[in-house]
Amino acid sequence: MSVQERKERDRAERERLIVATARELAEQQGWDAVTTRRLAERIEYSQPVLYSHFRGKREIIGAVALQGSTEMAAMVRAATAGANGPRARVYALARAYLDFAARNPAVYDAIFQLDGGLAYAQEETPEPLKDAFAALLECLGEVAGDGVAPGLFTEVFWASLHGVATLTRSGRLPPQDTEARVRLLVDRLPVHAAERELNGET
């Protein structure tokens, strides 16, 4: 390994450590607790070293958002891969999405609530964010219905899941009814001919 390759590897490892430490601290104490000073203390780097990787907290939030988007996309795809039929896949998607939001609240906030300096719904949107939406679209596009743009339907369904996730976490909705909300949402989807045939319906 050349000196340059070793430097690049060491830099990448430092960057991963900074992001992992920021995530851990945010999940434990909230994003207000994440400061460059506290991160530098925890990972035992000087603040100038930290600033050589990220210009500040905003960029760290953005890095966590990109990492979290990749993880969420993988979780959704894994959950829907084994489901039998379009409606079952949507159930699996909804449960996986809400589970990710509940298990990773600080990461979820980095993706959808906080300013990480990332462009959303634009040409320059980073690939991990585009892929997270694509993971939803792959499943929800199947059930959009005739004459409905799959992307638009995915946005509306996603907004519904986001509402359930954030309102439940903030105590505005009782958590014991989450499954009932998912069923209410998914059961309102139109039943397509292919699904009726799969279920043995005429």
N, C-alpha and C. Protein backbone atom coordinates (compact mmCIF):
# COMPACT_ATOMS: atom_id res chain seq x y z
N MET A 1 0.84 -1.19 0.00
CA MET A 1 0.00 0.00 0.00
C MET A 1 0.89 1.25 0.00
N SER A 2 0.59 2.17 -0.90
CA SER A 2 1.39 3.38 -1.00
C SER A 2 1.08 4.32 0.16
N VAL A 3 1.93 5.31 0.35
CA VAL A 3 1.71 6.29 1.40
C VAL A 3 0.40 7.03 1.17
N GLN A 4 0.13 7.39 -0.10
CA GLN A 4 -1.10 8.11 -0.42
C GLN A 4 -2.33 7.25 -0.13
N GLU A 5 -2.27 5.98 -0.49
CA GLU A 5 -3.40 5.08 -0.22
C GLU A 5 -3.64 4.93 1.28
N ARG A 6 -2.55 4.86 2.05
CA ARG A 6 -2.69 4.74 3.50
C ARG A 6 -3.32 6.00 4.08
N LYS A 7 -2.91 7.16 3.58
CA LYS A 7 -3.49 8.43 4.05
C LYS A 7 -4.98 8.48 3.74
N GLU A 8 -5.35 8.04 2.55
CA GLU A 8 -6.76 8.05 2.16
C GLU A 8 -7.57 7.08 3.01
N ARG A 9 -6.99 5.92 3.30
CA ARG A 9 -7.67 4.94 4.15
C ARG A 9 -7.86 5.48 5.56
N ASP A 10 -6.79 6.09 6.09
CA ASP A 10 -6.87 6.65 7.44
C ASP A 10 -7.89 7.79 7.50
N ARG A 11 -7.94 8.58 6.46
CA ARG A 11 -8.90 9.69 6.42
C ARG A 11 -10.34 9.14 6.40
N ALA A 12 -10.57 8.11 5.58
CA ALA A 12 -11.90 7.51 5.50
C ALA A 12 -12.31 6.90 6.84
N GLU A 13 -11.36 6.29 7.53
CA GLU A 13 -11.65 5.70 8.84
C GLU A 13 -11.98 6.77 9.87
N ARG A 14 -11.26 7.89 9.83
CA ARG A 14 -11.56 8.99 10.74
C ARG A 14 -12.95 9.55 10.47
N GLU A 15 -13.28 9.66 9.20
CA GLU A 15 -14.60 10.19 8.82
C GLU A 15 -15.71 9.27 9.31
N ARG A 16 -15.52 7.96 9.14
CA ARG A 16 -16.52 6.99 9.62
C ARG A 16 -16.68 7.08 11.14
N LEU A 17 -15.56 7.27 11.84
CA LEU A 17 -15.61 7.37 13.29
C LEU A 17 -16.37 8.63 13.73
N ILE A 18 -16.13 9.73 13.06
CA ILE A 18 -16.83 10.98 13.38
C ILE A 18 -18.33 10.80 13.19
N VAL A 19 -18.73 10.23 12.07
CA VAL A 19 -20.16 10.04 11.78
C VAL A 19 -20.79 9.07 12.78
N ALA A 20 -20.10 7.97 13.06
CA ALA A 20 -20.63 6.98 14.00
C ALA A 20 -20.78 7.58 15.39
N THR A 21 -19.81 8.39 15.81
CA THR A 21 -19.86 9.01 17.14
C THR A 21 -20.98 10.04 17.20
N ALA A 22 -21.15 10.81 16.14
CA ALA A 22 -22.24 11.79 16.09
C ALA A 22 -23.59 11.09 16.18
N ARG A 23 -23.75 9.99 15.46
CA ARG A 23 -25.00 9.22 15.51
C ARG A 23 -25.26 8.71 16.92
N GLU A 24 -24.25 8.14 17.53
CA GLU A 24 -24.40 7.57 18.86
C GLU A 24 -24.80 8.65 19.87
N LEU A 25 -24.13 9.78 19.82
CA LEU A 25 -24.42 10.86 20.75
C LEU A 25 -25.82 11.42 20.51
N ALA A 26 -26.20 11.58 19.24
CA ALA A 26 -27.53 12.11 18.92
C ALA A 26 -28.62 11.16 19.37
N GLU A 27 -28.42 9.85 19.19
CA GLU A 27 -29.43 8.88 19.61
C GLU A 27 -29.55 8.84 21.13
N GLN A 28 -28.45 9.06 21.82
CA GLN A 28 -28.46 9.02 23.29
C GLN A 28 -29.02 10.29 23.90
N GLN A 29 -28.63 11.45 23.34
CA GLN A 29 -28.92 12.72 24.02
C GLN A 29 -29.60 13.76 23.13
N GLY A 30 -29.84 13.42 21.88
CA GLY A 30 -30.45 14.39 20.96
C GLY A 30 -29.40 15.19 20.21
N TRP A 31 -29.83 15.79 19.10
CA TRP A 31 -28.89 16.51 18.25
C TRP A 31 -28.34 17.77 18.91
N ASP A 32 -29.06 18.34 19.87
CA ASP A 32 -28.53 19.52 20.56
C ASP A 32 -27.23 19.21 21.30
N ALA A 33 -27.06 17.93 21.68
CA ALA A 33 -25.86 17.53 22.41
C ALA A 33 -24.66 17.33 21.49
N VAL A 34 -24.89 17.31 20.20
CA VAL A 34 -23.80 17.06 19.24
C VAL A 34 -23.15 18.38 18.89
N THR A 35 -21.96 18.58 19.41
CA THR A 35 -21.16 19.76 19.07
C THR A 35 -19.79 19.29 18.62
N THR A 36 -19.11 20.12 17.87
CA THR A 36 -17.77 19.73 17.41
C THR A 36 -16.83 19.54 18.58
N ARG A 37 -17.02 20.33 19.64
CA ARG A 37 -16.15 20.19 20.81
C ARG A 37 -16.36 18.82 21.47
N ARG A 38 -17.63 18.43 21.66
CA ARG A 38 -17.91 17.15 22.31
C ARG A 38 -17.47 15.98 21.42
N LEU A 39 -17.65 16.12 20.13
CA LEU A 39 -17.19 15.06 19.22
C LEU A 39 -15.67 14.92 19.29
N ALA A 40 -14.98 16.05 19.27
CA ALA A 40 -13.51 16.01 19.34
C ALA A 40 -13.05 15.33 20.63
N GLU A 41 -13.73 15.63 21.74
CA GLU A 41 -13.38 15.00 23.01
C GLU A 41 -13.62 13.49 22.97
N ARG A 42 -14.76 13.09 22.42
CA ARG A 42 -15.12 11.67 22.42
C ARG A 42 -14.20 10.83 21.55
N ILE A 43 -13.82 11.36 20.41
CA ILE A 43 -13.00 10.56 19.49
C ILE A 43 -11.51 10.86 19.66
N GLU A 44 -11.21 11.81 20.57
CA GLU A 44 -9.82 12.15 20.90
C GLU A 44 -9.05 12.68 19.69
N TYR A 45 -9.75 13.52 18.92
CA TYR A 45 -9.10 14.28 17.85
C TYR A 45 -9.19 15.75 18.24
N SER A 46 -8.30 16.54 17.70
CA SER A 46 -8.42 17.98 17.91
C SER A 46 -9.56 18.51 17.03
N GLN A 47 -10.11 19.65 17.41
CA GLN A 47 -11.16 20.24 16.59
C GLN A 47 -10.68 20.58 15.18
N PRO A 48 -9.44 21.07 15.00
CA PRO A 48 -8.97 21.30 13.63
C PRO A 48 -8.98 20.03 12.77
N VAL A 49 -8.67 18.87 13.36
CA VAL A 49 -8.73 17.62 12.60
C VAL A 49 -10.17 17.34 12.20
N LEU A 50 -11.10 17.53 13.13
CA LEU A 50 -12.51 17.31 12.81
C LEU A 50 -12.97 18.25 11.69
N TYR A 51 -12.54 19.52 11.79
CA TYR A 51 -12.93 20.49 10.76
C TYR A 51 -12.29 20.20 9.41
N SER A 52 -11.23 19.41 9.40
CA SER A 52 -10.62 19.04 8.12
C SER A 52 -11.49 18.03 7.37
N HIS A 53 -12.43 17.40 8.09
CA HIS A 53 -13.36 16.46 7.47
C HIS A 53 -14.73 17.08 7.22
N PHE A 54 -15.22 17.84 8.20
CA PHE A 54 -16.53 18.46 8.11
C PHE A 54 -16.42 19.92 8.55
N ARG A 55 -17.07 20.80 7.81
CA ARG A 55 -16.97 22.23 8.13
C ARG A 55 -17.79 22.61 9.36
N GLY A 56 -18.60 21.69 9.83
CA GLY A 56 -19.39 21.98 11.02
C GLY A 56 -20.47 20.94 11.22
N LYS A 57 -21.32 21.21 12.18
CA LYS A 57 -22.37 20.26 12.55
C LYS A 57 -23.32 20.00 11.39
N ARG A 58 -23.61 21.01 10.61
CA ARG A 58 -24.54 20.85 9.48
C ARG A 58 -24.06 19.76 8.52
N GLU A 59 -22.77 19.76 8.21
CA GLU A 59 -22.24 18.75 7.30
C GLU A 59 -22.24 17.37 7.94
N ILE A 60 -22.06 17.31 9.24
CA ILE A 60 -22.11 16.03 9.94
C ILE A 60 -23.53 15.47 9.89
N ILE A 61 -24.51 16.32 10.11
CA ILE A 61 -25.91 15.90 9.99
C ILE A 61 -26.17 15.37 8.58
N GLY A 62 -25.65 16.06 7.58
CA GLY A 62 -25.81 15.61 6.20
C GLY A 62 -25.19 14.24 5.96
N ALA A 63 -24.02 14.01 6.52
CA ALA A 63 -23.36 12.70 6.37
C ALA A 63 -24.18 11.60 7.05
N VAL A 64 -24.73 11.90 8.21
CA VAL A 64 -25.58 10.93 8.90
C VAL A 64 -26.84 10.66 8.07
N ALA A 65 -27.40 11.71 7.47
CA ALA A 65 -28.59 11.55 6.64
C ALA A 65 -28.33 10.64 5.44
N LEU A 66 -27.19 10.80 4.81
CA LEU A 66 -26.86 9.96 3.65
C LEU A 66 -26.66 8.51 4.07
N GLN A 67 -25.96 8.32 5.17
CA GLN A 67 -25.74 6.96 5.68
C GLN A 67 -27.07 6.33 6.07
N GLY A 68 -27.91 7.08 6.76
CA GLY A 68 -29.20 6.56 7.18
C GLY A 68 -30.11 6.25 6.01
N SER A 69 -30.07 7.06 4.97
CA SER A 69 -30.88 6.80 3.78
C SER A 69 -30.51 5.48 3.12
N THR A 70 -29.22 5.22 3.07
CA THR A 70 -28.75 3.95 2.51
C THR A 70 -29.26 2.78 3.34
N GLU A 71 -29.20 2.92 4.65
CA GLU A 71 -29.67 1.85 5.54
C GLU A 71 -31.18 1.66 5.44
N MET A 72 -31.92 2.75 5.35
CA MET A 72 -33.38 2.65 5.25
C MET A 72 -33.79 1.99 3.95
N ALA A 73 -33.13 2.34 2.85
CA ALA A 73 -33.45 1.73 1.56
C ALA A 73 -33.21 0.22 1.61
N ALA A 74 -32.09 -0.18 2.21
CA ALA A 74 -31.79 -1.61 2.32
C ALA A 74 -32.81 -2.32 3.19
N MET A 75 -33.24 -1.67 4.27
CA MET A 75 -34.21 -2.27 5.19
C MET A 75 -35.56 -2.45 4.50
N VAL A 76 -35.99 -1.45 3.75
CA VAL A 76 -37.27 -1.54 3.03
C VAL A 76 -37.21 -2.64 1.97
N ARG A 77 -36.13 -2.69 1.21
CA ARG A 77 -36.03 -3.70 0.16
C ARG A 77 -35.98 -5.11 0.75
N ALA A 78 -35.28 -5.27 1.87
CA ALA A 78 -35.21 -6.59 2.50
C ALA A 78 -36.59 -7.01 3.01
N ALA A 79 -37.34 -6.05 3.55
CA ALA A 79 -38.66 -6.37 4.11
C ALA A 79 -39.66 -6.74 3.02
N THR A 80 -39.57 -6.07 1.88
CA THR A 80 -40.55 -6.30 0.82
C THR A 80 -40.19 -7.47 -0.09
N ALA A 81 -38.94 -7.90 -0.06
CA ALA A 81 -38.49 -8.94 -0.99
C ALA A 81 -39.24 -10.25 -0.81
N GLY A 82 -39.57 -10.60 0.43
CA GLY A 82 -40.21 -11.90 0.66
C GLY A 82 -41.72 -11.85 0.74
N ALA A 83 -42.30 -10.66 0.56
CA ALA A 83 -43.76 -10.53 0.68
C ALA A 83 -44.44 -11.06 -0.58
N ASN A 84 -45.61 -11.67 -0.38
CA ASN A 84 -46.32 -12.33 -1.47
C ASN A 84 -47.47 -11.46 -1.96
N GLY A 85 -47.26 -10.75 -3.04
CA GLY A 85 -48.30 -9.92 -3.62
C GLY A 85 -48.10 -8.44 -3.33
N PRO A 86 -48.66 -7.58 -4.20
CA PRO A 86 -48.45 -6.13 -4.06
C PRO A 86 -48.89 -5.57 -2.72
N ARG A 87 -50.08 -5.97 -2.22
CA ARG A 87 -50.57 -5.41 -0.96
C ARG A 87 -49.69 -5.86 0.21
N ALA A 88 -49.28 -7.11 0.19
CA ALA A 88 -48.40 -7.61 1.25
C ALA A 88 -47.07 -6.87 1.23
N ARG A 89 -46.58 -6.52 0.05
CA ARG A 89 -45.33 -5.76 -0.04
C ARG A 89 -45.51 -4.36 0.55
N VAL A 90 -46.67 -3.75 0.32
CA VAL A 90 -46.91 -2.42 0.88
C VAL A 90 -47.00 -2.49 2.41
N TYR A 91 -47.68 -3.52 2.93
CA TYR A 91 -47.69 -3.72 4.39
C TYR A 91 -46.26 -3.82 4.92
N ALA A 92 -45.45 -4.63 4.26
CA ALA A 92 -44.07 -4.84 4.71
C ALA A 92 -43.28 -3.54 4.64
N LEU A 93 -43.49 -2.78 3.57
CA LEU A 93 -42.81 -1.49 3.42
C LEU A 93 -43.19 -0.55 4.56
N ALA A 94 -44.50 -0.44 4.82
CA ALA A 94 -44.97 0.49 5.87
C ALA A 94 -44.40 0.12 7.23
N ARG A 95 -44.42 -1.16 7.54
CA ARG A 95 -43.90 -1.60 8.84
C ARG A 95 -42.40 -1.37 8.94
N ALA A 96 -41.67 -1.66 7.87
CA ALA A 96 -40.22 -1.46 7.88
C ALA A 96 -39.87 0.02 8.03
N TYR A 97 -40.60 0.87 7.32
CA TYR A 97 -40.36 2.31 7.39
C TYR A 97 -40.59 2.83 8.81
N LEU A 98 -41.73 2.48 9.39
CA LEU A 98 -42.05 2.95 10.74
C LEU A 98 -41.11 2.36 11.78
N ASP A 99 -40.67 1.14 11.55
CA ASP A 99 -39.72 0.52 12.48
C ASP A 99 -38.38 1.24 12.41
N PHE A 100 -37.94 1.58 11.21
CA PHE A 100 -36.68 2.33 11.07
C PHE A 100 -36.79 3.67 11.80
N ALA A 101 -37.90 4.37 11.60
CA ALA A 101 -38.09 5.67 12.24
C ALA A 101 -38.08 5.56 13.76
N ALA A 102 -38.72 4.51 14.28
CA ALA A 102 -38.81 4.34 15.73
C ALA A 102 -37.48 3.92 16.34
N ARG A 103 -36.73 3.08 15.64
CA ARG A 103 -35.47 2.57 16.17
C ARG A 103 -34.31 3.56 16.02
N ASN A 104 -34.42 4.48 15.07
CA ASN A 104 -33.33 5.41 14.77
C ASN A 104 -33.83 6.84 14.72
N PRO A 105 -34.40 7.35 15.82
CA PRO A 105 -35.03 8.67 15.75
C PRO A 105 -34.08 9.80 15.36
N ALA A 106 -32.86 9.78 15.85
CA ALA A 106 -31.93 10.85 15.52
C ALA A 106 -31.52 10.79 14.05
N VAL A 107 -31.32 9.58 13.55
CA VAL A 107 -30.97 9.42 12.13
C VAL A 107 -32.16 9.83 11.26
N TYR A 108 -33.36 9.43 11.67
CA TYR A 108 -34.57 9.80 10.93
C TYR A 108 -34.71 11.32 10.88
N ASP A 109 -34.43 11.99 11.99
CA ASP A 109 -34.49 13.45 12.00
C ASP A 109 -33.43 14.05 11.08
N ALA A 110 -32.25 13.45 11.05
CA ALA A 110 -31.20 13.95 10.16
C ALA A 110 -31.64 13.87 8.70
N ILE A 111 -32.35 12.80 8.35
CA ILE A 111 -32.81 12.62 6.97
C ILE A 111 -33.94 13.58 6.63
N PHE A 112 -34.93 13.68 7.52
CA PHE A 112 -36.20 14.31 7.14
C PHE A 112 -36.55 15.60 7.88
N GLN A 113 -35.85 15.93 8.98
CA GLN A 113 -36.27 17.07 9.76
C GLN A 113 -35.22 18.18 9.84
N LEU A 114 -33.96 17.81 9.88
CA LEU A 114 -32.91 18.79 10.13
C LEU A 114 -32.24 19.27 8.85
N ASP A 115 -31.55 20.38 8.95
CA ASP A 115 -30.82 20.93 7.81
C ASP A 115 -29.41 20.35 7.78
N GLY A 116 -29.21 19.43 6.84
CA GLY A 116 -27.90 18.85 6.65
C GLY A 116 -27.20 19.37 5.41
N GLY A 117 -27.76 20.45 4.84
CA GLY A 117 -27.15 21.04 3.65
C GLY A 117 -27.34 20.23 2.39
N LEU A 118 -28.32 19.31 2.39
CA LEU A 118 -28.54 18.44 1.23
C LEU A 118 -29.71 18.94 0.40
N ALA A 119 -29.62 18.72 -0.90
CA ALA A 119 -30.71 19.09 -1.81
C ALA A 119 -31.69 17.93 -1.90
N TYR A 120 -32.97 18.23 -1.76
CA TYR A 120 -34.02 17.21 -1.87
C TYR A 120 -34.89 17.51 -3.09
N ALA A 121 -35.33 16.43 -3.75
CA ALA A 121 -36.25 16.54 -4.88
C ALA A 121 -35.71 17.47 -5.97
N GLN A 122 -34.42 17.40 -6.20
CA GLN A 122 -33.79 18.21 -7.23
C GLN A 122 -32.82 17.34 -8.04
N GLU A 123 -32.36 17.90 -9.14
CA GLU A 123 -31.43 17.16 -9.99
C GLU A 123 -30.15 16.81 -9.24
N GLU A 124 -29.70 17.72 -8.36
CA GLU A 124 -28.45 17.51 -7.64
C GLU A 124 -28.64 16.77 -6.32
N THR A 125 -29.81 16.22 -6.07
CA THR A 125 -30.03 15.44 -4.86
C THR A 125 -29.03 14.28 -4.82
N PRO A 126 -28.36 14.06 -3.69
CA PRO A 126 -27.38 12.96 -3.61
C PRO A 126 -28.03 11.60 -3.85
N GLU A 127 -27.25 10.69 -4.42
CA GLU A 127 -27.77 9.38 -4.80
C GLU A 127 -28.40 8.59 -3.64
N PRO A 128 -27.82 8.61 -2.43
CA PRO A 128 -28.47 7.85 -1.35
C PRO A 128 -29.90 8.32 -1.07
N LEU A 129 -30.16 9.61 -1.19
CA LEU A 129 -31.52 10.12 -0.99
C LEU A 129 -32.43 9.68 -2.13
N LYS A 130 -31.92 9.76 -3.35
CA LYS A 130 -32.70 9.30 -4.50
C LYS A 130 -33.01 7.81 -4.39
N ASP A 131 -32.05 7.04 -3.92
CA ASP A 131 -32.25 5.59 -3.82
C ASP A 131 -33.24 5.24 -2.73
N ALA A 132 -33.26 6.01 -1.64
CA ALA A 132 -34.24 5.76 -0.59
C ALA A 132 -35.66 5.95 -1.13
N PHE A 133 -35.84 7.00 -1.92
CA PHE A 133 -37.16 7.21 -2.53
C PHE A 133 -37.44 6.11 -3.55
N ALA A 134 -36.42 5.69 -4.30
CA ALA A 134 -36.60 4.63 -5.28
C ALA A 134 -37.04 3.33 -4.62
N ALA A 135 -36.52 3.06 -3.41
CA ALA A 135 -36.91 1.84 -2.69
C ALA A 135 -38.41 1.85 -2.37
N LEU A 136 -38.95 3.03 -2.06
CA LEU A 136 -40.39 3.16 -1.84
C LEU A 136 -41.15 3.04 -3.15
N LEU A 137 -40.66 3.70 -4.17
CA LEU A 137 -41.33 3.72 -5.48
C LEU A 137 -41.42 2.33 -6.10
N GLU A 138 -40.38 1.53 -5.91
CA GLU A 138 -40.37 0.18 -6.49
C GLU A 138 -41.57 -0.63 -6.04
N CYS A 139 -41.97 -0.44 -4.82
CA CYS A 139 -43.10 -1.17 -4.24
C CYS A 139 -44.42 -0.43 -4.46
N LEU A 140 -44.43 0.85 -4.17
CA LEU A 140 -45.68 1.61 -4.22
C LEU A 140 -46.14 1.89 -5.64
N GLY A 141 -45.20 1.91 -6.57
CA GLY A 141 -45.60 2.11 -7.97
C GLY A 141 -46.52 1.02 -8.48
N GLU A 142 -46.43 -0.16 -7.87
CA GLU A 142 -47.29 -1.28 -8.28
C GLU A 142 -48.76 -1.05 -7.93
N VAL A 143 -49.02 -0.23 -6.94
CA VAL A 143 -50.39 -0.09 -6.44
C VAL A 143 -50.93 1.32 -6.62
N ALA A 144 -50.28 2.11 -7.44
CA ALA A 144 -50.70 3.50 -7.61
C ALA A 144 -52.09 3.60 -8.23
N GLY A 145 -52.44 2.65 -9.06
CA GLY A 145 -53.76 2.69 -9.71
C GLY A 145 -53.69 3.33 -11.08
N ASP A 146 -54.69 3.04 -11.89
CA ASP A 146 -54.73 3.56 -13.25
C ASP A 146 -54.85 5.08 -13.25
N GLY A 147 -54.08 5.71 -14.09
CA GLY A 147 -54.15 7.14 -14.26
C GLY A 147 -53.48 7.95 -13.16
N VAL A 148 -52.80 7.26 -12.24
CA VAL A 148 -52.11 7.95 -11.14
C VAL A 148 -50.60 7.85 -11.36
N ALA A 149 -49.92 8.96 -11.32
CA ALA A 149 -48.47 8.95 -11.49
C ALA A 149 -47.83 8.22 -10.32
N PRO A 150 -47.03 7.16 -10.58
CA PRO A 150 -46.43 6.39 -9.48
C PRO A 150 -45.60 7.24 -8.52
N GLY A 151 -44.85 8.20 -9.06
CA GLY A 151 -44.03 9.04 -8.20
C GLY A 151 -44.88 9.89 -7.27
N LEU A 152 -45.96 10.45 -7.79
CA LEU A 152 -46.84 11.28 -6.99
C LEU A 152 -47.53 10.45 -5.91
N PHE A 153 -47.98 9.25 -6.28
CA PHE A 153 -48.61 8.37 -5.30
C PHE A 153 -47.62 8.01 -4.19
N THR A 154 -46.38 7.73 -4.57
CA THR A 154 -45.35 7.39 -3.59
C THR A 154 -45.12 8.55 -2.64
N GLU A 155 -45.11 9.77 -3.15
CA GLU A 155 -44.92 10.94 -2.28
C GLU A 155 -46.05 11.04 -1.26
N VAL A 156 -47.28 10.82 -1.69
CA VAL A 156 -48.43 10.94 -0.78
C VAL A 156 -48.41 9.83 0.27
N PHE A 157 -48.12 8.60 -0.15
CA PHE A 157 -48.07 7.49 0.80
C PHE A 157 -46.93 7.69 1.79
N TRP A 158 -45.79 8.11 1.29
CA TRP A 158 -44.63 8.39 2.13
C TRP A 158 -44.97 9.49 3.15
N ALA A 159 -45.66 10.54 2.69
CA ALA A 159 -46.05 11.62 3.60
C ALA A 159 -46.96 11.08 4.71
N SER A 160 -47.82 10.12 4.38
CA SER A 160 -48.69 9.52 5.39
C SER A 160 -47.87 8.76 6.42
N LEU A 161 -46.91 7.97 5.97
CA LEU A 161 -46.05 7.24 6.89
C LEU A 161 -45.22 8.20 7.75
N HIS A 162 -44.73 9.24 7.13
CA HIS A 162 -43.94 10.24 7.88
C HIS A 162 -44.80 10.87 8.97
N GLY A 163 -46.04 11.16 8.63
CA GLY A 163 -46.94 11.73 9.63
C GLY A 163 -47.18 10.79 10.79
N VAL A 164 -47.40 9.52 10.49
CA VAL A 164 -47.60 8.54 11.56
C VAL A 164 -46.35 8.44 12.42
N ALA A 165 -45.19 8.40 11.78
CA ALA A 165 -43.92 8.26 12.52
C ALA A 165 -43.68 9.45 13.44
N THR A 166 -43.82 10.65 12.92
CA THR A 166 -43.48 11.84 13.71
C THR A 166 -44.54 12.17 14.75
N LEU A 167 -45.81 11.98 14.41
CA LEU A 167 -46.86 12.28 15.38
C LEU A 167 -46.88 11.26 16.52
N THR A 168 -46.54 10.01 16.20
CA THR A 168 -46.47 9.00 17.25
C THR A 168 -45.31 9.30 18.19
N ARG A 169 -44.16 9.61 17.63
CA ARG A 169 -42.98 9.89 18.47
C ARG A 169 -43.17 11.12 19.34
N SER A 170 -43.89 12.11 18.84
CA SER A 170 -44.09 13.34 19.62
C SER A 170 -45.23 13.21 20.63
N GLY A 171 -45.88 12.03 20.67
CA GLY A 171 -46.95 11.82 21.63
C GLY A 171 -48.30 12.33 21.19
N ARG A 172 -48.41 12.76 19.92
CA ARG A 172 -49.69 13.24 19.41
C ARG A 172 -50.62 12.09 19.02
N LEU A 173 -50.05 10.92 18.75
CA LEU A 173 -50.84 9.74 18.43
C LEU A 173 -50.45 8.62 19.39
N PRO A 174 -51.41 7.84 19.89
CA PRO A 174 -51.07 6.74 20.79
C PRO A 174 -50.36 5.61 20.03
N PRO A 175 -49.21 5.16 20.52
CA PRO A 175 -48.42 4.16 19.78
C PRO A 175 -49.10 2.81 19.65
N GLN A 176 -50.00 2.46 20.56
CA GLN A 176 -50.63 1.15 20.49
C GLN A 176 -51.53 1.00 19.26
N ASP A 177 -51.88 2.10 18.60
CA ASP A 177 -52.75 2.03 17.43
C ASP A 177 -51.99 2.11 16.11
N THR A 178 -50.67 2.02 16.16
CA THR A 178 -49.88 2.16 14.93
C THR A 178 -50.24 1.09 13.91
N GLU A 179 -50.36 -0.15 14.34
CA GLU A 179 -50.69 -1.23 13.40
C GLU A 179 -52.06 -1.00 12.78
N ALA A 180 -53.01 -0.53 13.56
CA ALA A 180 -54.35 -0.25 13.03
C ALA A 180 -54.28 0.86 11.98
N ARG A 181 -53.43 1.84 12.19
CA ARG A 181 -53.28 2.92 11.21
C ARG A 181 -52.68 2.39 9.91
N VAL A 182 -51.69 1.52 10.04
CA VAL A 182 -51.08 0.93 8.85
C VAL A 182 -52.13 0.13 8.06
N ARG A 183 -52.92 -0.66 8.76
CA ARG A 183 -53.96 -1.46 8.08
C ARG A 183 -55.00 -0.56 7.42
N LEU A 184 -55.39 0.48 8.12
CA LEU A 184 -56.36 1.41 7.55
C LEU A 184 -55.84 2.05 6.28
N LEU A 185 -54.57 2.42 6.30
CA LEU A 185 -53.95 3.05 5.13
C LEU A 185 -53.82 2.07 3.98
N VAL A 186 -53.29 0.89 4.26
CA VAL A 186 -53.01 -0.07 3.19
C VAL A 186 -54.30 -0.70 2.67
N ASP A 187 -55.26 -0.96 3.53
CA ASP A 187 -56.51 -1.60 3.09
C ASP A 187 -57.33 -0.71 2.17
N ARG A 188 -57.03 0.57 2.13
CA ARG A 188 -57.76 1.47 1.22
C ARG A 188 -57.20 1.45 -0.20
N LEU A 189 -56.10 0.74 -0.39
CA LEU A 189 -55.52 0.66 -1.74
C LEU A 189 -56.44 -0.15 -2.64
N PRO A 190 -56.51 0.19 -3.92
CA PRO A 190 -57.36 -0.59 -4.84
C PRO A 190 -56.80 -2.00 -5.02
N VAL A 191 -57.69 -2.96 -5.17
CA VAL A 191 -57.29 -4.34 -5.42
C VAL A 191 -57.21 -4.54 -6.92
N HIS A 192 -56.02 -4.87 -7.38
CA HIS A 192 -55.80 -5.05 -8.82
C HIS A 192 -56.14 -6.48 -9.23
N ALA A 193 -56.38 -6.65 -10.51
CA ALA A 193 -56.76 -7.97 -11.03
C ALA A 193 -55.70 -9.02 -10.71
N ALA A 194 -54.44 -8.63 -10.81
CA ALA A 194 -53.36 -9.59 -10.55
C ALA A 194 -53.41 -10.07 -9.11
N GLU A 195 -53.76 -9.18 -8.19
CA GLU A 195 -53.82 -9.56 -6.79
C GLU A 195 -55.04 -10.45 -6.53
N ARG A 196 -56.17 -10.17 -7.18
CA ARG A 196 -57.34 -11.01 -7.02
C ARG A 196 -57.06 -12.42 -7.50
N GLU A 197 -56.35 -12.51 -8.60
CA GLU A 197 -56.00 -13.83 -9.15
C GLU A 197 -55.07 -14.56 -8.20
N LEU A 198 -54.10 -13.83 -7.59
CA LEU A 198 -53.16 -14.42 -6.65
C LEU A 198 -53.91 -14.97 -5.43
N ASN A 199 -54.95 -14.26 -5.01
CA ASN A 199 -55.72 -14.65 -3.83
C ASN A 199 -56.85 -15.62 -4.15
N GLY A 200 -56.95 -16.04 -5.41
CA GLY A 200 -57.99 -16.99 -5.80
C GLY A 200 -59.37 -16.39 -5.89
N GLU A 201 -59.44 -15.04 -6.05
CA GLU A 201 -60.72 -14.38 -6.15
C GLU A 201 -61.15 -14.30 -7.60
N THR A 202 -62.45 -14.22 -7.82
CA THR A 202 -62.96 -14.13 -9.21
C THR A 202 -63.21 -12.68 -9.56
